């Protein structure tokens, strides 16, 4: 993933966030956490998100918040938001901010 030197670290959530990709997602998120930069999660193309991937995201959000790292979503898909809501993680993942 190419990126310009900036104050932001981008993580592309891809189309499918499931248990098969949970370890790769975790590695990307840990790398973003280590950067100490603002993390922007691109999730507009997410067509499926399972509990395992959402739990990885939840742990990442808790760690990042405890380290006072800024997190932001870029156009989270309806599927992602609905999946998080189904398991009660909307608030943990800050998916309710700015959504109407």
PDB file of N, CA and C in Angstrom:
ATOM      1  N   UNK A   1       0.859  -1.174   0.000  1.00  0.00           N
ATOM      2  CA  UNK A   1       0.000   0.000   0.000  1.00  0.00           C
ATOM      3  C   UNK A   1       0.902   1.234   0.000  1.00  0.00           C
ATOM      4  N   UNK A   2       0.758   2.058  -1.005  1.00  0.00           N
ATOM      5  CA  UNK A   2       1.573   3.260  -1.040  1.00  0.00           C
ATOM      6  C   UNK A   2       0.841   4.396  -0.343  1.00  0.00           C
ATOM      7  N   UNK A   3       1.611   5.228   0.317  1.00  0.00           N
ATOM      8  CA  UNK A   3       1.017   6.393   0.957  1.00  0.00           C
ATOM      9  C   UNK A   3       2.081   7.464   1.082  1.00  0.00           C
ATOM     10  N   UNK A   4       1.642   8.677   1.010  1.00  0.00           N
ATOM     11  CA  UNK A   4       2.557   9.797   1.142  1.00  0.00           C
ATOM     12  C   UNK A   4       2.894   9.960   2.618  1.00  0.00           C
ATOM     13  N   UNK A   5       4.075  10.484   2.885  1.00  0.00           N
ATOM     14  CA  UNK A   5       4.417  10.771   4.269  1.00  0.00           C
ATOM     15  C   UNK A   5       3.449  11.824   4.784  1.00  0.00           C
ATOM     16  N   UNK A   6       2.690  11.456   5.775  1.00  0.00           N
ATOM     17  CA  UNK A   6       1.694  12.384   6.300  1.00  0.00           C
ATOM     18  C   UNK A   6       1.428  12.051   7.754  1.00  0.00           C
ATOM     19  N   UNK A   7       0.450  12.737   8.280  1.00  0.00           N
ATOM     20  CA  UNK A   7       0.048  12.515   9.664  1.00  0.00           C
ATOM     21  C   UNK A   7      -1.051  11.467   9.747  1.00  0.00           C
ATOM     22  N   UNK A   8      -1.278  10.753   8.658  1.00  0.00           N
ATOM     23  CA  UNK A   8      -2.401   9.825   8.608  1.00  0.00           C
ATOM     24  C   UNK A   8      -1.940   8.452   8.136  1.00  0.00           C
ATOM     25  N   UNK A   9      -2.515   7.425   8.754  1.00  0.00           N
ATOM     26  CA  UNK A   9      -2.298   6.043   8.319  1.00  0.00           C
ATOM     27  C   UNK A   9      -3.636   5.519   7.828  1.00  0.00           C
ATOM     28  N   UNK A  10      -3.656   4.997   6.603  1.00  0.00           N
ATOM     29  CA  UNK A  10      -4.898   4.503   6.004  1.00  0.00           C
ATOM     30  C   UNK A  10      -4.940   2.981   6.056  1.00  0.00           C
ATOM     31  N   UNK A  11      -6.114   2.454   6.401  1.00  0.00           N
ATOM     32  CA  UNK A  11      -6.338   1.014   6.400  1.00  0.00           C
ATOM     33  C   UNK A  11      -7.553   0.753   5.528  1.00  0.00           C
ATOM     34  N   UNK A  12      -7.370  -0.027   4.463  1.00  0.00           N
ATOM     35  CA  UNK A  12      -8.468  -0.395   3.577  1.00  0.00           C
ATOM     36  C   UNK A  12      -9.086  -1.686   4.098  1.00  0.00           C
ATOM     37  N   UNK A  13     -10.356  -1.623   4.456  1.00  0.00           N
ATOM     38  CA  UNK A  13     -11.043  -2.789   5.023  1.00  0.00           C
ATOM     39  C   UNK A  13     -11.458  -3.805   3.966  1.00  0.00           C
ATOM     40  N   UNK A  14     -11.379  -3.442   2.692  1.00  0.00           N
ATOM     41  CA  UNK A  14     -11.697  -4.373   1.619  1.00  0.00           C
ATOM     42  C   UNK A  14     -13.187  -4.644   1.479  1.00  0.00           C
ATOM     43  N   UNK A  15     -13.509  -5.727   0.767  1.00  0.00           N
ATOM     44  CA  UNK A  15     -14.901  -6.095   0.505  1.00  0.00           C
ATOM     45  C   UNK A  15     -15.465  -7.026   1.565  1.00  0.00           C
ATOM     46  N   UNK A  16     -14.620  -7.925   2.050  1.00  0.00           N
ATOM     47  CA  UNK A  16     -15.061  -8.943   3.004  1.00  0.00           C
ATOM     48  C   UNK A  16     -14.185  -8.885   4.239  1.00  0.00           C
ATOM     49  N   UNK A  17     -14.827  -8.708   5.376  1.00  0.00           N
ATOM     50  CA  UNK A  17     -14.128  -8.729   6.659  1.00  0.00           C
ATOM     51  C   UNK A  17     -14.642  -9.959   7.401  1.00  0.00           C
ATOM     52  N   UNK A  18     -13.847 -11.042   7.350  1.00  0.00           N
ATOM     53  CA  UNK A  18     -14.289 -12.267   7.999  1.00  0.00           C
ATOM     54  C   UNK A  18     -13.129 -12.957   8.690  1.00  0.00           C
ATOM     55  N   UNK A  19     -13.418 -14.102   9.267  1.00  0.00           N
ATOM     56  CA  UNK A  19     -12.415 -14.821  10.052  1.00  0.00           C
ATOM     57  C   UNK A  19     -11.196 -15.197   9.211  1.00  0.00           C
ATOM     58  N   UNK A  20     -11.402 -15.456   7.922  1.00  0.00           N
ATOM     59  CA  UNK A  20     -10.285 -15.826   7.045  1.00  0.00           C
ATOM     60  C   UNK A  20      -9.268 -14.696   6.922  1.00  0.00           C
ATOM     61  N   UNK A  21      -9.721 -13.466   6.997  1.00  0.00           N
ATOM     62  CA  UNK A  21      -8.822 -12.331   6.877  1.00  0.00           C
ATOM     63  C   UNK A  21      -8.545 -11.613   8.178  1.00  0.00           C
ATOM     64  N   UNK A  22      -9.029 -12.177   9.291  1.00  0.00           N
ATOM     65  CA  UNK A  22      -8.908 -11.496  10.586  1.00  0.00           C
ATOM     66  C   UNK A  22      -7.457 -11.286  11.006  1.00  0.00           C
ATOM     67  N   UNK A  23      -6.586 -12.253  10.757  1.00  0.00           N
ATOM     68  CA  UNK A  23      -5.190 -12.121  11.159  1.00  0.00           C
ATOM     69  C   UNK A  23      -4.485 -11.044  10.337  1.00  0.00           C
ATOM     70  N   UNK A  24      -4.773 -10.993   9.041  1.00  0.00           N
ATOM     71  CA  UNK A  24      -4.184  -9.947   8.189  1.00  0.00           C
ATOM     72  C   UNK A  24      -4.686  -8.563   8.611  1.00  0.00           C
ATOM     73  N   UNK A  25      -5.985  -8.474   8.909  1.00  0.00           N
ATOM     74  CA  UNK A  25      -6.556  -7.212   9.383  1.00  0.00           C
ATOM     75  C   UNK A  25      -5.887  -6.796  10.686  1.00  0.00           C
ATOM     76  N   UNK A  26      -5.724  -7.739  11.583  1.00  0.00           N
ATOM     77  CA  UNK A  26      -5.083  -7.463  12.876  1.00  0.00           C
ATOM     78  C   UNK A  26      -3.672  -6.920  12.668  1.00  0.00           C
ATOM     79  N   UNK A  27      -2.917  -7.532  11.755  1.00  0.00           N
ATOM     80  CA  UNK A  27      -1.548  -7.075  11.488  1.00  0.00           C
ATOM     81  C   UNK A  27      -1.545  -5.646  10.942  1.00  0.00           C
ATOM     82  N   UNK A  28      -2.465  -5.341  10.041  1.00  0.00           N
ATOM     83  CA  UNK A  28      -2.560  -3.983   9.489  1.00  0.00           C
ATOM     84  C   UNK A  28      -2.895  -2.979  10.594  1.00  0.00           C
ATOM     85  N   UNK A  29      -3.819  -3.358  11.456  1.00  0.00           N
ATOM     86  CA  UNK A  29      -4.247  -2.458  12.519  1.00  0.00           C
ATOM     87  C   UNK A  29      -3.139  -2.240  13.551  1.00  0.00           C
ATOM     88  N   UNK A  30      -2.404  -3.299  13.881  1.00  0.00           N
ATOM     89  CA  UNK A  30      -1.286  -3.151  14.820  1.00  0.00           C
ATOM     90  C   UNK A  30      -0.200  -2.248  14.236  1.00  0.00           C
ATOM     91  N   UNK A  31       0.042  -2.372  12.943  1.00  0.00           N
ATOM     92  CA  UNK A  31       1.011  -1.503  12.273  1.00  0.00           C
ATOM     93  C   UNK A  31       0.539  -0.051  12.323  1.00  0.00           C
ATOM     94  N   UNK A  32      -0.752   0.155  12.079  1.00  0.00           N
ATOM     95  CA  UNK A  32      -1.316   1.509  12.139  1.00  0.00           C
ATOM     96  C   UNK A  32      -1.231   2.066  13.555  1.00  0.00           C
ATOM     97  N   UNK A  33      -1.481   1.222  14.536  1.00  0.00           N
ATOM     98  CA  UNK A  33      -1.409   1.645  15.934  1.00  0.00           C
ATOM     99  C   UNK A  33       0.023   2.068  16.290  1.00  0.00           C
ATOM    100  N   UNK A  34       0.977   1.305  15.826  1.00  0.00           N
ATOM    101  CA  UNK A  34       2.380   1.605  16.117  1.00  0.00           C
ATOM    102  C   UNK A  34       2.843   2.914  15.470  1.00  0.00           C
ATOM    103  N   UNK A  35       2.153   3.334  14.427  1.00  0.00           N
ATOM    104  CA  UNK A  35       2.550   4.548  13.716  1.00  0.00           C
ATOM    105  C   UNK A  35       2.299   5.817  14.528  1.00  0.00           C
ATOM    106  N   UNK A  36       1.410   5.731  15.510  1.00  0.00           N
ATOM    107  CA  UNK A  36       1.033   6.886  16.343  1.00  0.00           C
ATOM    108  C   UNK A  36       0.382   8.011  15.531  1.00  0.00           C
ATOM    109  N   UNK A  37      -0.047   7.699  14.319  1.00  0.00           N
ATOM    110  CA  UNK A  37      -0.700   8.682  13.460  1.00  0.00           C
ATOM    111  C   UNK A  37      -2.214   8.518  13.535  1.00  0.00           C
ATOM    112  N   UNK A  38      -2.936   9.502  13.008  1.00  0.00           N
ATOM    113  CA  UNK A  38      -4.380   9.366  12.841  1.00  0.00           C
ATOM    114  C   UNK A  38      -4.627   8.185  11.917  1.00  0.00           C
ATOM    115  N   UNK A  39      -5.563   7.320  12.283  1.00  0.00           N
ATOM    116  CA  UNK A  39      -5.882   6.151  11.464  1.00  0.00           C
ATOM    117  C   UNK A  39      -7.242   6.369  10.801  1.00  0.00           C
ATOM    118  N   UNK A  40      -7.246   6.275   9.476  1.00  0.00           N
ATOM    119  CA  UNK A  40      -8.478   6.370   8.715  1.00  0.00           C
ATOM    120  C   UNK A  40      -8.793   4.994   8.154  1.00  0.00           C
ATOM    121  N   UNK A  41      -9.989   4.496   8.500  1.00  0.00           N
ATOM    122  CA  UNK A  41     -10.445   3.195   8.039  1.00  0.00           C
ATOM    123  C   UNK A  41     -11.374   3.394   6.846  1.00  0.00           C
ATOM    124  N   UNK A  42     -10.961   2.885   5.696  1.00  0.00           N
ATOM    125  CA  UNK A  42     -11.768   2.966   4.480  1.00  0.00           C
ATOM    126  C   UNK A  42     -12.623   1.703   4.400  1.00  0.00           C
ATOM    127  N   UNK A  43     -13.940   1.887   4.478  1.00  0.00           N
ATOM    128  CA  UNK A  43     -14.838   0.730   4.575  1.00  0.00           C
ATOM    129  C   UNK A  43     -16.076   0.858   3.699  1.00  0.00           C
ATOM    130  N   UNK A  44     -15.988   1.638   2.645  1.00  0.00           N
ATOM    131  CA  UNK A  44     -17.165   1.849   1.804  1.00  0.00           C
ATOM    132  C   UNK A  44     -17.528   0.623   0.970  1.00  0.00           C
ATOM    133  N   UNK A  45     -16.565  -0.287   0.764  1.00  0.00           N
ATOM    134  CA  UNK A  45     -16.813  -1.452  -0.082  1.00  0.00           C
ATOM    135  C   UNK A  45     -17.107  -2.728   0.699  1.00  0.00           C
ATOM    136  N   UNK A  46     -17.206  -2.632   2.017  1.00  0.00           N
ATOM    137  CA  UNK A  46     -17.450  -3.830   2.825  1.00  0.00           C
ATOM    138  C   UNK A  46     -18.833  -4.396   2.501  1.00  0.00           C
ATOM    139  N   UNK A  47     -18.841  -5.642   2.022  1.00  0.00           N
ATOM    140  CA  UNK A  47     -20.088  -6.330   1.671  1.00  0.00           C
ATOM    141  C   UNK A  47     -20.454  -7.398   2.697  1.00  0.00           C
ATOM    142  N   UNK A  48     -19.473  -7.780   3.524  1.00  0.00           N
ATOM    143  CA  UNK A  48     -19.724  -8.771   4.571  1.00  0.00           C
ATOM    144  C   UNK A  48     -18.730  -8.544   5.696  1.00  0.00           C
ATOM    145  N   UNK A  49     -19.222  -8.565   6.925  1.00  0.00           N
ATOM    146  CA  UNK A  49     -18.363  -8.416   8.098  1.00  0.00           C
ATOM    147  C   UNK A  49     -18.859  -9.379   9.169  1.00  0.00           C
ATOM    148  N   UNK A  50     -17.987 -10.302   9.577  1.00  0.00           N
ATOM    149  CA  UNK A  50     -18.415 -11.259  10.593  1.00  0.00           C
ATOM    150  C   UNK A  50     -17.903 -10.859  11.975  1.00  0.00           C
ATOM    151  N   UNK A  51     -18.338 -11.621  12.953  1.00  0.00           N
ATOM    152  CA  UNK A  51     -18.025 -11.320  14.343  1.00  0.00           C
ATOM    153  C   UNK A  51     -16.524 -11.306  14.616  1.00  0.00           C
ATOM    154  N   UNK A  52     -15.777 -12.242  14.030  1.00  0.00           N
ATOM    155  CA  UNK A  52     -14.332 -12.305  14.279  1.00  0.00           C
ATOM    156  C   UNK A  52     -13.648 -11.008  13.854  1.00  0.00           C
ATOM    157  N   UNK A  53     -13.957 -10.518  12.669  1.00  0.00           N
ATOM    158  CA  UNK A  53     -13.345  -9.284  12.176  1.00  0.00           C
ATOM    159  C   UNK A  53     -13.775  -8.087  13.020  1.00  0.00           C
ATOM    160  N   UNK A  54     -15.035  -8.064  13.407  1.00  0.00           N
ATOM    161  CA  UNK A  54     -15.520  -6.951  14.225  1.00  0.00           C
ATOM    162  C   UNK A  54     -14.884  -6.969  15.610  1.00  0.00           C
ATOM    163  N   UNK A  55     -14.603  -8.152  16.144  1.00  0.00           N
ATOM    164  CA  UNK A  55     -13.920  -8.238  17.434  1.00  0.00           C
ATOM    165  C   UNK A  55     -12.475  -7.735  17.322  1.00  0.00           C
ATOM    166  N   UNK A  56     -11.817  -8.037  16.210  1.00  0.00           N
ATOM    167  CA  UNK A  56     -10.470  -7.514  15.976  1.00  0.00           C
ATOM    168  C   UNK A  56     -10.517  -5.988  15.939  1.00  0.00           C
ATOM    169  N   UNK A  57     -11.493  -5.445  15.213  1.00  0.00           N
ATOM    170  CA  UNK A  57     -11.655  -3.994  15.160  1.00  0.00           C
ATOM    171  C   UNK A  57     -11.939  -3.410  16.543  1.00  0.00           C
ATOM    172  N   UNK A  58     -12.783  -4.088  17.304  1.00  0.00           N
ATOM    173  CA  UNK A  58     -13.128  -3.610  18.646  1.00  0.00           C
ATOM    174  C   UNK A  58     -11.909  -3.529  19.549  1.00  0.00           C
ATOM    175  N   UNK A  59     -11.064  -4.559  19.511  1.00  0.00           N
ATOM    176  CA  UNK A  59      -9.839  -4.552  20.320  1.00  0.00           C
ATOM    177  C   UNK A  59      -8.916  -3.423  19.867  1.00  0.00           C
ATOM    178  N   UNK A  60      -8.825  -3.226  18.558  1.00  0.00           N
ATOM    179  CA  UNK A  60      -8.003  -2.144  18.020  1.00  0.00           C
ATOM    180  C   UNK A  60      -8.504  -0.782  18.496  1.00  0.00           C
ATOM    181  N   UNK A  61      -9.827  -0.563  18.425  1.00  0.00           N
ATOM    182  CA  UNK A  61     -10.391   0.713  18.863  1.00  0.00           C
ATOM    183  C   UNK A  61     -10.101   0.961  20.335  1.00  0.00           C
ATOM    184  N   UNK A  62     -10.252  -0.054  21.167  1.00  0.00           N
ATOM    185  CA  UNK A  62      -9.977   0.114  22.595  1.00  0.00           C
ATOM    186  C   UNK A  62      -8.515   0.466  22.840  1.00  0.00           C
ATOM    187  N   UNK A  63      -7.604  -0.227  22.160  1.00  0.00           N
ATOM    188  CA  UNK A  63      -6.176   0.066  22.315  1.00  0.00           C
ATOM    189  C   UNK A  63      -5.840   1.468  21.828  1.00  0.00           C
ATOM    190  N   UNK A  64      -6.360   1.819  20.661  1.00  0.00           N
ATOM    191  CA  UNK A  64      -6.060   3.138  20.087  1.00  0.00           C
ATOM    192  C   UNK A  64      -6.589   4.257  20.981  1.00  0.00           C
ATOM    193  N   UNK A  65      -7.782   4.087  21.491  1.00  0.00           N
ATOM    194  CA  UNK A  65      -8.375   5.106  22.360  1.00  0.00           C
ATOM    195  C   UNK A  65      -7.568   5.233  23.648  1.00  0.00           C
ATOM    196  N   UNK A  66      -7.148   4.097  24.204  1.00  0.00           N
ATOM    197  CA  UNK A  66      -6.354   4.157  25.439  1.00  0.00           C
ATOM    198  C   UNK A  66      -5.008   4.847  25.204  1.00  0.00           C
ATOM    199  N   UNK A  67      -4.520   4.806  23.971  1.00  0.00           N
ATOM    200  CA  UNK A  67      -3.264   5.463  23.622  1.00  0.00           C
ATOM    201  C   UNK A  67      -3.493   6.864  23.044  1.00  0.00           C
ATOM    202  N   UNK A  68      -4.748   7.314  23.113  1.00  0.00           N
ATOM    203  CA  UNK A  68      -5.129   8.654  22.634  1.00  0.00           C
ATOM    204  C   UNK A  68      -4.808   8.876  21.157  1.00  0.00           C
ATOM    205  N   UNK A  69      -4.974   7.806  20.384  1.00  0.00           N
ATOM    206  CA  UNK A  69      -4.750   7.890  18.949  1.00  0.00           C
ATOM    207  C   UNK A  69      -6.083   8.225  18.268  1.00  0.00           C
ATOM    208  N   UNK A  70      -6.046   9.117  17.290  1.00  0.00           N
ATOM    209  CA  UNK A  70      -7.256   9.528  16.591  1.00  0.00           C
ATOM    210  C   UNK A  70      -7.638   8.491  15.547  1.00  0.00           C
ATOM    211  N   UNK A  71      -8.923   8.124  15.544  1.00  0.00           N
ATOM    212  CA  UNK A  71      -9.468   7.159  14.591  1.00  0.00           C
ATOM    213  C   UNK A  71     -10.613   7.802  13.837  1.00  0.00           C
ATOM    214  N   UNK A  72     -10.745   7.454  12.574  1.00  0.00           N
ATOM    215  CA  UNK A  72     -11.879   7.958  11.813  1.00  0.00           C
ATOM    216  C   UNK A  72     -12.255   6.960  10.721  1.00  0.00           C
ATOM    217  N   UNK A  73     -13.546   6.918  10.436  1.00  0.00           N
ATOM    218  CA  UNK A  73     -14.078   6.095   9.358  1.00  0.00           C
ATOM    219  C   UNK A  73     -14.227   6.943   8.119  1.00  0.00           C
ATOM    220  N   UNK A  74     -13.996   6.351   6.964  1.00  0.00           N
ATOM    221  CA  UNK A  74     -14.270   6.993   5.682  1.00  0.00           C
ATOM    222  C   UNK A  74     -15.360   6.172   5.002  1.00  0.00           C
ATOM    223  N   UNK A  75     -16.573   6.708   5.011  1.00  0.00           N
ATOM    224  CA  UNK A  75     -17.728   6.095   4.335  1.00  0.00           C
ATOM    225  C   UNK A  75     -17.950   4.622   4.686  1.00  0.00           C
ATOM    226  N   UNK A  76     -18.165   4.301   5.968  1.00  0.00           N
ATOM    227  CA  UNK A  76     -18.432   2.897   6.305  1.00  0.00           C
ATOM    228  C   UNK A  76     -19.710   2.429   5.624  1.00  0.00           C
ATOM    229  N   UNK A  77     -19.676   1.227   5.055  1.00  0.00           N
ATOM    230  CA  UNK A  77     -20.840   0.699   4.334  1.00  0.00           C
ATOM    231  C   UNK A  77     -21.995   0.407   5.287  1.00  0.00           C
ATOM    232  N   UNK A  78     -23.170   0.380   4.731  1.00  0.00           N
ATOM    233  CA  UNK A  78     -24.367   0.031   5.501  1.00  0.00           C
ATOM    234  C   UNK A  78     -24.234  -1.375   6.070  1.00  0.00           C
ATOM    235  N   UNK A  79     -23.658  -2.282   5.287  1.00  0.00           N
ATOM    236  CA  UNK A  79     -23.471  -3.666   5.746  1.00  0.00           C
ATOM    237  C   UNK A  79     -22.594  -3.695   6.993  1.00  0.00           C
ATOM    238  N   UNK A  80     -21.502  -2.947   6.983  1.00  0.00           N
ATOM    239  CA  UNK A  80     -20.613  -2.899   8.146  1.00  0.00           C
ATOM    240  C   UNK A  80     -21.357  -2.338   9.352  1.00  0.00           C
ATOM    241  N   UNK A  81     -22.055  -1.247   9.153  1.00  0.00           N
ATOM    242  CA  UNK A  81     -22.795  -0.626  10.257  1.00  0.00           C
ATOM    243  C   UNK A  81     -23.867  -1.565  10.805  1.00  0.00           C
ATOM    244  N   UNK A  82     -24.587  -2.238   9.911  1.00  0.00           N
ATOM    245  CA  UNK A  82     -25.633  -3.176  10.341  1.00  0.00           C
ATOM    246  C   UNK A  82     -25.044  -4.367  11.074  1.00  0.00           C
ATOM    247  N   UNK A  83     -23.924  -4.885  10.587  1.00  0.00           N
ATOM    248  CA  UNK A  83     -23.280  -6.030  11.243  1.00  0.00           C
ATOM    249  C   UNK A  83     -22.823  -5.662  12.645  1.00  0.00           C
ATOM    250  N   UNK A  84     -22.231  -4.474  12.782  1.00  0.00           N
ATOM    251  CA  UNK A  84     -21.785  -4.013  14.102  1.00  0.00           C
ATOM    252  C   UNK A  84     -22.984  -3.835  15.030  1.00  0.00           C
ATOM    253  N   UNK A  85     -24.075  -3.303  14.506  1.00  0.00           N
ATOM    254  CA  UNK A  85     -25.276  -3.098  15.320  1.00  0.00           C
ATOM    255  C   UNK A  85     -25.851  -4.428  15.800  1.00  0.00           C
ATOM    256  N   UNK A  86     -25.811  -5.446  14.948  1.00  0.00           N
ATOM    257  CA  UNK A  86     -26.360  -6.759  15.310  1.00  0.00           C
ATOM    258  C   UNK A  86     -25.668  -7.374  16.518  1.00  0.00           C
ATOM    259  N   UNK A  87     -24.382  -7.093  16.681  1.00  0.00           N
ATOM    260  CA  UNK A  87     -23.670  -7.681  17.826  1.00  0.00           C
ATOM    261  C   UNK A  87     -23.346  -6.641  18.891  1.00  0.00           C
ATOM    262  N   UNK A  88     -23.982  -5.488  18.799  1.00  0.00           N
ATOM    263  CA  UNK A  88     -23.844  -4.478  19.845  1.00  0.00           C
ATOM    264  C   UNK A  88     -22.512  -3.757  19.881  1.00  0.00           C
ATOM    265  N   UNK A  89     -21.883  -3.586  18.717  1.00  0.00           N
ATOM    266  CA  UNK A  89     -20.560  -2.945  18.698  1.00  0.00           C
ATOM    267  C   UNK A  89     -20.546  -1.578  18.026  1.00  0.00           C
ATOM    268  N   UNK A  90     -21.712  -1.028  17.741  1.00  0.00           N
ATOM    269  CA  UNK A  90     -21.770   0.280  17.076  1.00  0.00           C
ATOM    270  C   UNK A  90     -21.017   1.338  17.870  1.00  0.00           C
ATOM    271  N   UNK A  91     -21.250   1.380  19.156  1.00  0.00           N
ATOM    272  CA  UNK A  91     -20.623   2.409  19.999  1.00  0.00           C
ATOM    273  C   UNK A  91     -19.123   2.175  20.130  1.00  0.00           C
ATOM    274  N   UNK A  92     -18.717   0.925  20.380  1.00  0.00           N
ATOM    275  CA  UNK A  92     -17.302   0.580  20.526  1.00  0.00           C
ATOM    276  C   UNK A  92     -16.524   0.978  19.271  1.00  0.00           C
ATOM    277  N   UNK A  93     -17.135   0.744  18.102  1.00  0.00           N
ATOM    278  CA  UNK A  93     -16.470   1.037  16.832  1.00  0.00           C
ATOM    279  C   UNK A  93     -16.732   2.466  16.341  1.00  0.00           C
ATOM    280  N   UNK A  94     -17.400   3.238  17.152  1.00  0.00           N
ATOM    281  CA  UNK A  94     -17.694   4.646  16.818  1.00  0.00           C
ATOM    282  C   UNK A  94     -18.367   4.789  15.470  1.00  0.00           C
ATOM    283  N   UNK A  95     -19.248   3.859  15.148  1.00  0.00           N
ATOM    284  CA  UNK A  95     -19.956   3.899  13.872  1.00  0.00           C
ATOM    285  C   UNK A  95     -21.227   4.733  13.950  1.00  0.00           C
ATOM    286  N   UNK A  96     -21.557   5.222  15.122  1.00  0.00           N
ATOM    287  CA  UNK A  96     -22.754   6.047  15.257  1.00  0.00           C
ATOM    288  C   UNK A  96     -22.451   7.531  15.079  1.00  0.00           C
ATOM    289  N   UNK A  97     -21.195   7.884  15.054  1.00  0.00           N
ATOM    290  CA  UNK A  97     -20.809   9.296  14.923  1.00  0.00           C
ATOM    291  C   UNK A  97     -21.095   9.802  13.520  1.00  0.00           C
ATOM    292  N   UNK A  98     -21.971  10.758  13.428  1.00  0.00           N
ATOM    293  CA  UNK A  98     -22.250  11.394  12.150  1.00  0.00           C
ATOM    294  C   UNK A  98     -23.145  10.614  11.228  1.00  0.00           C
ATOM    295  N   UNK A  99     -23.690   9.502  11.672  1.00  0.00           N
ATOM    296  CA  UNK A  99     -24.583   8.726  10.817  1.00  0.00           C
ATOM    297  C   UNK A  99     -26.029   9.051  11.152  1.00  0.00           C
ATOM    298  N   UNK A 100     -26.797   9.305  10.137  1.00  0.00           N
ATOM    299  CA  UNK A 100     -28.227   9.605  10.340  1.00  0.00           C
ATOM    300  C   UNK A 100     -29.081   8.545   9.677  1.00  0.00           C
TER     301      UNK A 100
END
